Protein backbone atom coordinates (compact mmCIF):
# COMPACT_ATOMS: atom_id res chain seq x y z
CA MET A 1 92.63 17.28 82.96
CA VAL A 2 95.18 17.95 80.22
CA ALA A 3 98.11 16.92 82.38
CA THR A 4 96.36 13.71 83.36
CA ARG A 5 96.10 12.68 79.73
CA LEU A 6 99.71 13.62 79.06
CA VAL A 7 101.17 11.68 81.96
CA THR A 8 100.12 8.46 80.27
CA ALA A 9 101.91 9.37 77.03
CA PRO A 10 104.92 7.28 76.00
CA SER A 11 108.43 8.52 76.68
CA VAL A 12 109.99 10.90 74.19
CA PRO A 13 111.61 8.95 71.33
CA ILE A 14 115.39 9.13 71.25
CA ALA A 15 115.21 10.78 67.83
CA LEU A 16 113.37 13.74 69.39
CA GLU A 17 115.90 14.34 72.18
CA ALA A 18 118.21 17.27 71.47
CA SER A 19 121.62 15.69 72.02
CA GLU A 20 123.72 18.80 71.35
CA PRO A 21 123.36 22.58 71.26
CA PRO A 22 121.79 24.08 68.13
CA GLU A 23 125.12 25.79 67.42
CA ALA A 24 126.60 22.32 66.86
CA ARG A 25 123.84 21.73 64.29
CA GLY A 26 124.78 24.88 62.36
CA LEU A 27 122.02 27.06 63.84
CA GLU A 28 121.97 30.33 65.71
CA ARG A 29 120.31 30.19 69.12
CA ASP A 30 117.16 31.88 67.82
CA ASP A 31 116.97 29.54 64.81
CA VAL A 32 115.43 26.73 66.90
CA ARG A 33 111.84 25.93 66.03
CA LEU A 34 108.94 27.63 67.78
CA LEU A 35 105.68 25.79 68.38
CA VAL A 36 102.88 28.28 69.03
CA SER A 37 99.69 27.50 70.91
CA ASP A 38 97.73 30.51 69.62
CA LEU A 39 94.68 30.48 71.87
CA GLU A 40 93.23 33.67 70.40
CA ARG A 41 92.76 31.90 67.07
CA ASN A 42 92.49 28.38 68.44
CA ALA A 43 95.36 27.34 66.20
CA ILE A 44 98.80 25.77 66.28
CA GLY A 45 101.55 27.78 64.60
CA HIS A 46 105.02 26.74 63.47
CA ALA A 47 107.93 29.15 63.10
CA ARG A 48 111.48 29.87 64.18
CA PHE A 49 112.20 31.46 67.53
CA LYS A 50 113.47 34.60 65.77
CA ASP A 51 109.85 35.08 64.58
CA LEU A 52 108.64 35.56 68.18
CA PRO A 53 107.84 39.30 67.77
CA GLN A 54 104.95 38.56 65.42
CA TRP A 55 102.96 37.01 68.30
CA LEU A 56 103.68 39.77 70.80
CA SER A 57 102.33 43.30 71.04
CA ALA A 58 103.48 46.65 72.38
CA GLY A 59 102.60 46.69 76.07
CA ASP A 60 103.26 43.00 76.64
CA LEU A 61 105.75 42.15 79.36
CA LEU A 62 108.28 39.34 79.12
CA VAL A 63 109.58 38.35 82.56
CA VAL A 64 112.96 36.61 82.40
CA ASN A 65 115.14 34.67 84.83
CA THR A 66 118.63 36.16 85.30
CA SER A 67 120.08 33.15 87.11
CA GLY A 68 123.28 31.80 85.61
CA THR A 69 124.11 28.11 85.42
CA LEU A 70 126.70 26.67 87.78
CA ASN A 71 129.21 23.94 86.97
CA ALA A 72 127.23 21.95 89.52
CA ALA A 73 128.50 18.41 88.74
CA LEU A 74 131.51 17.24 90.76
CA ASP A 75 133.48 13.99 90.89
CA ALA A 76 133.32 12.40 94.34
CA VAL A 77 134.91 9.44 96.14
CA ASP A 78 133.93 7.91 99.48
CA ARG A 79 136.28 6.44 102.11
CA GLU A 80 136.09 2.98 100.52
CA GLY A 81 137.15 4.35 97.15
CA SER A 82 133.72 4.07 95.49
CA GLN A 83 133.25 6.71 92.82
CA PHE A 84 130.21 8.96 92.49
CA GLU A 85 129.08 12.13 90.80
CA LEU A 86 127.68 14.80 93.10
CA HIS A 87 125.12 17.26 91.72
CA LEU A 88 124.67 20.39 93.79
CA SER A 89 121.00 21.36 93.67
CA THR A 90 119.88 24.18 95.98
CA ARG A 91 121.67 26.19 98.64
CA LEU A 92 119.36 26.06 101.68
CA PRO A 93 118.99 28.26 104.77
CA GLY A 94 121.85 27.76 107.21
CA GLY A 95 124.40 27.19 104.46
CA PHE A 96 123.42 23.57 103.75
CA TRP A 97 122.72 22.16 100.29
CA SER A 98 120.32 19.73 98.77
CA VAL A 99 122.36 17.44 96.54
CA GLU A 100 121.91 14.41 94.32
CA VAL A 101 124.44 11.57 94.47
CA ARG A 102 124.72 9.61 91.21
CA SER A 103 126.84 6.75 89.94
CA PRO A 104 129.18 7.07 86.92
CA GLY A 105 127.79 5.83 83.60
CA ALA A 106 129.05 5.23 80.08
CA LEU A 107 127.58 8.46 78.67
CA ALA A 108 126.52 10.38 81.77
CA SER A 109 125.89 9.68 85.43
CA LEU A 110 122.97 7.47 86.47
CA PRO A 111 120.38 7.70 89.26
CA LEU A 112 121.41 6.19 92.59
CA ARG A 113 119.10 5.49 95.51
CA ASP A 114 121.44 3.82 98.00
CA ALA A 115 121.23 4.87 101.64
CA MET A 116 123.91 7.54 101.93
CA ALA A 117 123.35 9.29 105.28
CA GLY A 118 126.60 9.66 107.22
CA ARG A 119 128.92 9.20 104.25
CA ILE A 120 131.72 11.65 103.64
CA LEU A 121 132.56 12.23 100.01
CA ARG A 122 135.94 13.60 99.01
CA LEU A 123 135.69 16.25 96.28
CA PRO A 124 138.43 17.68 94.05
CA GLY A 125 140.86 20.22 95.48
CA GLY A 126 140.55 19.08 99.09
CA ALA A 127 136.84 19.82 99.42
CA ARG A 128 134.35 17.42 100.95
CA ALA A 129 130.63 16.80 101.28
CA THR A 130 129.09 15.23 104.37
CA ILE A 131 125.75 13.58 103.61
CA LEU A 132 123.49 14.27 106.59
CA SER A 133 120.01 12.91 105.84
CA PRO A 134 117.51 12.21 103.08
CA TYR A 135 115.90 15.34 101.68
CA PRO A 136 113.15 15.90 102.50
CA PHE A 137 113.46 14.08 105.83
CA VAL A 138 110.47 11.71 106.03
CA ASP A 139 111.35 8.08 106.89
CA GLY A 140 114.54 8.41 108.96
CA VAL A 141 118.24 8.75 108.17
CA ASP A 142 118.55 5.19 106.83
CA ALA A 143 115.93 5.69 104.12
CA ILE A 144 116.87 5.61 100.46
CA SER A 145 116.37 8.86 98.61
CA ARG A 146 117.15 10.73 95.42
CA LEU A 147 118.07 13.99 97.15
CA TRP A 148 120.13 14.51 100.30
CA LEU A 149 120.84 17.27 102.79
CA ALA A 150 124.58 17.87 102.81
CA ALA A 151 127.23 20.09 104.37
CA ILE A 152 129.71 21.24 101.74
CA GLU A 153 133.21 22.36 102.78
CA LEU A 154 135.20 24.20 100.12
CA PRO A 155 138.72 25.65 100.09
CA GLU A 156 137.62 28.76 98.19
CA PRO A 157 134.39 30.64 97.34
CA LEU A 158 131.80 28.53 95.53
CA PRO A 159 131.86 30.27 92.09
CA GLN A 160 135.64 30.02 91.80
CA TYR A 161 135.69 26.44 93.07
CA LEU A 162 133.02 25.24 90.63
CA ALA A 163 134.65 27.11 87.74
CA ARG A 164 137.89 25.25 88.53
CA TYR A 165 136.61 21.74 89.32
CA GLY A 166 132.97 21.40 88.28
CA ALA A 167 131.15 20.74 85.02
CA PRO A 168 127.62 21.47 83.80
CA ILE A 169 125.09 18.81 84.74
CA ARG A 170 124.14 16.66 81.78
CA TYR A 171 122.09 13.54 81.28
CA SER A 172 122.47 10.56 78.96
CA TYR A 173 120.64 12.21 76.06
CA VAL A 174 123.63 14.60 75.79
CA PRO A 175 126.48 12.13 75.22
CA GLU A 176 129.29 14.70 74.86
CA PRO A 177 130.32 17.38 77.37
CA TRP A 178 129.89 21.01 76.32
CA PRO A 179 131.52 24.11 77.81
CA SER A 180 129.74 26.17 80.43
CA ALA A 181 129.01 28.96 77.93
CA MET A 182 126.57 26.66 76.16
CA TYR A 183 124.51 26.49 79.36
CA GLN A 184 124.16 30.26 79.89
CA THR A 185 121.35 32.48 78.65
CA VAL A 186 121.72 36.02 77.37
CA PHE A 187 119.96 37.19 80.55
CA ALA A 188 122.31 35.48 83.05
CA THR A 189 123.84 37.85 85.60
CA GLU A 190 124.11 35.90 88.88
CA PRO A 191 125.32 32.26 88.95
CA GLY A 192 123.22 29.95 91.10
CA SER A 193 121.21 27.45 89.05
CA ALA A 194 122.07 23.76 89.10
CA GLU A 195 120.54 23.44 85.64
CA MET A 196 120.06 26.06 82.97
CA PRO A 197 116.83 28.11 83.00
CA SER A 198 116.59 26.87 79.44
CA ALA A 199 113.48 28.73 78.24
CA GLY A 200 115.68 31.81 77.90
CA ARG A 201 118.36 30.08 75.86
CA PRO A 202 116.96 30.86 72.37
CA PHE A 203 117.02 34.61 72.99
CA THR A 204 119.83 36.60 71.38
CA THR A 205 120.87 40.21 71.86
CA ALA A 206 119.54 41.02 68.40
CA LEU A 207 116.15 39.46 69.16
CA VAL A 208 115.89 41.31 72.48
CA THR A 209 116.62 44.57 70.65
CA ARG A 210 113.85 43.88 68.13
CA LEU A 211 111.36 43.09 70.89
CA VAL A 212 112.16 46.23 72.88
CA SER A 213 112.03 48.34 69.72
CA ALA A 214 108.53 46.97 69.09
CA GLY A 215 107.35 48.09 72.54
CA VAL A 216 107.59 44.72 74.30
CA GLU A 217 108.94 45.25 77.80
CA ILE A 218 111.37 42.92 79.55
CA ALA A 219 111.62 42.64 83.35
CA PRO A 220 114.08 40.51 85.34
CA LEU A 221 113.71 38.28 88.35
CA LEU A 222 115.89 35.60 89.87
CA LEU A 223 115.15 31.95 90.62
CA HIS A 224 118.00 29.50 91.10
CA THR A 225 116.82 26.19 89.67
CA GLY A 226 117.56 22.89 91.39
CA VAL A 227 118.19 19.55 89.72
CA ALA A 228 115.47 18.17 87.53
CA SER A 229 113.79 14.85 88.16
CA LEU A 230 113.69 13.23 84.74
CA GLU A 231 113.60 9.77 86.25
CA ASP A 232 111.15 10.30 89.12
CA HIS A 233 108.98 13.21 87.94
CA GLU A 234 108.71 14.58 91.46
CA PRO A 235 107.19 17.94 92.37
CA PRO A 236 109.82 20.69 92.59
CA TYR A 237 111.42 21.34 95.95
CA GLU A 238 112.37 24.67 97.53
CA GLU A 239 114.23 27.06 95.26
CA TYR A 240 115.65 30.50 96.03
CA TYR A 241 114.05 33.50 94.31
CA GLU A 242 114.18 37.31 94.27
CA VAL A 243 111.56 39.62 92.76
CA SER A 244 112.47 43.31 92.89
CA ARG A 245 110.15 46.25 93.55
CA GLN A 246 110.74 47.47 89.98
CA THR A 247 109.70 44.14 88.45
CA ALA A 248 106.64 43.84 90.70
CA ASP A 249 105.56 47.37 89.75
CA ARG A 250 105.99 46.64 86.03
CA VAL A 251 103.93 43.46 86.31
CA ASN A 252 101.10 45.32 88.05
CA ALA A 253 101.26 48.20 85.55
CA THR A 254 101.12 45.78 82.62
CA ARG A 255 98.01 44.12 83.99
CA ARG A 256 96.32 47.47 84.67
CA ALA A 257 97.00 48.51 81.09
CA GLY A 258 95.65 45.28 79.62
CA GLY A 259 98.98 43.85 78.49
CA ARG A 260 99.98 40.22 78.81
CA VAL A 261 102.44 38.98 81.44
CA ILE A 262 104.46 36.30 79.64
CA ALA A 263 106.82 34.18 81.70
CA VAL A 264 110.02 33.02 80.04
CA GLY A 265 110.14 29.61 81.68
CA THR A 266 108.31 27.76 84.41
CA THR A 267 110.90 29.09 86.86
CA VAL A 268 109.55 32.58 86.26
CA VAL A 269 105.98 31.34 86.74
CA ARG A 270 106.93 29.88 90.11
CA ALA A 271 108.69 33.03 91.34
CA LEU A 272 106.02 35.49 90.16
CA GLU A 273 103.13 33.46 91.48
CA THR A 274 104.87 33.10 94.85
CA VAL A 275 104.72 36.88 95.35
CA THR A 276 101.23 37.43 93.87
CA ASP A 277 98.26 37.51 96.21
CA ASP A 278 94.74 36.24 95.59
CA ARG A 279 93.72 39.66 94.23
CA GLY A 280 96.34 39.35 91.51
CA VAL A 281 98.66 41.98 93.01
CA THR A 282 102.38 41.24 92.74
CA SER A 283 104.76 42.39 95.48
CA PRO A 284 108.54 42.30 95.82
CA GLY A 285 109.98 39.41 97.76
CA ARG A 286 112.82 36.99 98.25
CA GLY A 287 113.34 33.63 99.93
CA TRP A 288 112.77 29.96 99.19
CA THR A 289 109.58 28.93 97.41
CA ASP A 290 107.94 25.51 97.50
CA LEU A 291 104.91 26.62 95.48
CA VAL A 292 103.42 24.02 93.14
CA ILE A 293 101.04 25.31 90.46
CA SER A 294 98.12 22.95 89.93
CA PRO A 295 94.34 23.05 89.53
CA ALA A 296 94.20 23.49 93.31
CA ARG A 297 96.37 26.62 93.04
CA PRO A 298 95.77 28.20 89.61
CA LEU A 299 97.65 31.16 88.19
CA ARG A 300 96.94 34.68 89.41
CA VAL A 301 99.13 36.86 87.22
CA VAL A 302 100.89 34.93 84.43
CA ASN A 303 98.82 34.52 81.25
CA GLY A 304 101.44 33.54 78.69
CA LEU A 305 104.51 31.31 78.64
CA ILE A 306 107.64 30.56 76.66
CA SER A 307 109.00 27.15 77.54
CA GLY A 308 110.73 24.11 76.19
CA LEU A 309 109.05 20.79 75.52
CA HIS A 310 108.62 18.75 78.69
CA GLU A 311 108.79 15.04 79.38
CA PRO A 312 105.58 13.06 79.90
CA ARG A 313 104.81 12.86 83.62
CA ALA A 314 106.83 16.04 84.32
CA THR A 315 105.10 18.28 86.87
CA HIS A 316 105.89 21.26 84.61
CA LEU A 317 102.95 20.14 82.50
CA MET A 318 100.56 21.18 85.26
CA ILE A 319 101.97 24.71 84.91
CA LEU A 320 101.44 24.64 81.14
CA GLU A 321 97.87 23.48 81.67
CA GLN A 322 97.20 26.38 84.03
CA VAL A 323 98.82 28.89 81.64
CA ILE A 324 96.47 27.64 78.93
CA ALA A 325 93.53 28.15 81.27
CA ALA A 326 94.67 31.69 82.10
CA ALA A 327 95.38 32.62 78.49
CA SER A 328 92.09 31.10 77.32
CA SER A 329 90.16 33.34 79.72
CA ARG A 330 91.10 36.27 77.48
CA SER A 331 90.28 34.46 74.23
CA PRO A 332 86.61 33.85 73.32
CA ALA A 333 87.60 31.50 70.49
CA ALA A 334 89.59 29.35 72.89
CA ARG A 335 86.71 29.18 75.33
CA ARG A 336 84.52 27.72 72.59
CA GLY A 337 87.00 24.87 72.53
CA ILE A 338 88.60 22.68 69.87
CA GLY A 339 89.66 19.92 72.22
CA ASP A 340 92.69 19.77 74.45
CA PRO A 341 95.19 22.49 73.37
CA LEU A 342 98.16 21.02 75.22
CA SER A 343 97.68 17.48 73.91
CA LEU A 344 97.16 18.90 70.42
CA ALA A 345 100.37 20.93 70.63
CA TYR A 346 102.44 18.00 71.87
CA SER A 347 100.97 15.67 69.25
CA GLU A 348 101.97 18.16 66.57
CA ALA A 349 105.44 18.50 68.09
CA ARG A 350 105.94 14.75 67.93
CA ARG A 351 104.51 14.46 64.43
CA LEU A 352 106.73 17.21 63.04
CA GLY A 353 109.91 16.19 64.83
CA TYR A 354 110.37 19.00 67.34
CA LEU A 355 113.30 18.47 69.72
CA TRP A 356 112.97 18.14 73.51
CA HIS A 357 115.18 19.17 76.47
CA GLU A 358 117.45 22.15 77.16
CA PHE A 359 119.07 22.27 73.72
CA GLY A 360 115.79 21.67 71.91
CA ASP A 361 112.96 23.71 70.46
CA ALA A 362 110.59 26.18 72.13
CA HIS A 363 106.87 26.43 72.84
CA LEU A 364 104.89 29.66 73.13
CA ILE A 365 101.47 29.66 74.79
CA ILE A 366 99.69 32.94 74.12
CA GLY A 367 96.13 34.27 74.25
CA ALA A 368 94.49 37.54 73.31
CA ALA A 369 95.42 40.92 74.76
CA THR A 370 92.62 43.00 76.27
CA ASP A 371 91.92 46.71 76.58
CA ARG A 372 92.13 46.74 80.33
CA ALA A 373 92.77 44.27 83.13
CA THR A 374 92.92 44.35 86.90
CA PRO A 375 94.34 44.97 89.45
């Protein structure tokens, strides 16, 4: 499989890690580079993100994530005075949270796998976090773990507290802190993501206007993203989502009319596919999804994707592989085959110096439109 070949690839060179927002490099958001896997023509294209409209058609539907990014990183101290950094990940049923406890580092916090169950961490402003058990709970409370189930006690509502005391989560490839505004997309309406739904970051108001003027529709959904697993490359855990009746109806109408349903980010893929049945019919829904897209559970509705460039071994690559399979089903040229489209795209990205991570460049996977589709 494509993903199997990619998981053995070397780590991304430091020179290809986007260490700052494009604005700090003198670029507009939509000036980042756009790598295009054009499956209709069996070709790789290279452009700027502002050129996106030339690959889309009237009747296509872009589905975007409206989740805003929280200041989800908090300083923490235990009873012995040891210092940590607490990353809020996902608010769970019952008011609990999954969290990641990390140790301070020279540039950014570092992974920590110490047994933490039972510890109470003091947070700024008189708040505290009680670490209850490893998450998920598999080998007992004394097990080591990356994620933990925690009870969080705050002196004020979460958005105000995090705005006052928190900071955006960042990793060592971003050595300098940046303000929260740099971690928001133009689509953000409801704060809730631990990390930015970064596929939407290159969009600007002007670009959205051009797309809508060209007949490309845009529909919203919500999925609050948890913390990534750059070190462990684990499957994603439960994340909260909402898909409205209006968005579900527009997805179904697009497919009936033969348009393409293009997800802006793997978060959108996960939410849409959670509420799409095996006939390809999308329904409204909300809750926590643990869906993992893989060859065992291929895509049912999404057949195009805008995404960033993902680390080797990241489980997101299985989603990209399945998007390529879905987009190729509409493209006779792609079905004839020119090798492995995903490996080819990533080889080109490395060769030409594309930038990885949330402040980096973008990747569009797109196939042919058809005259009519089902349901």
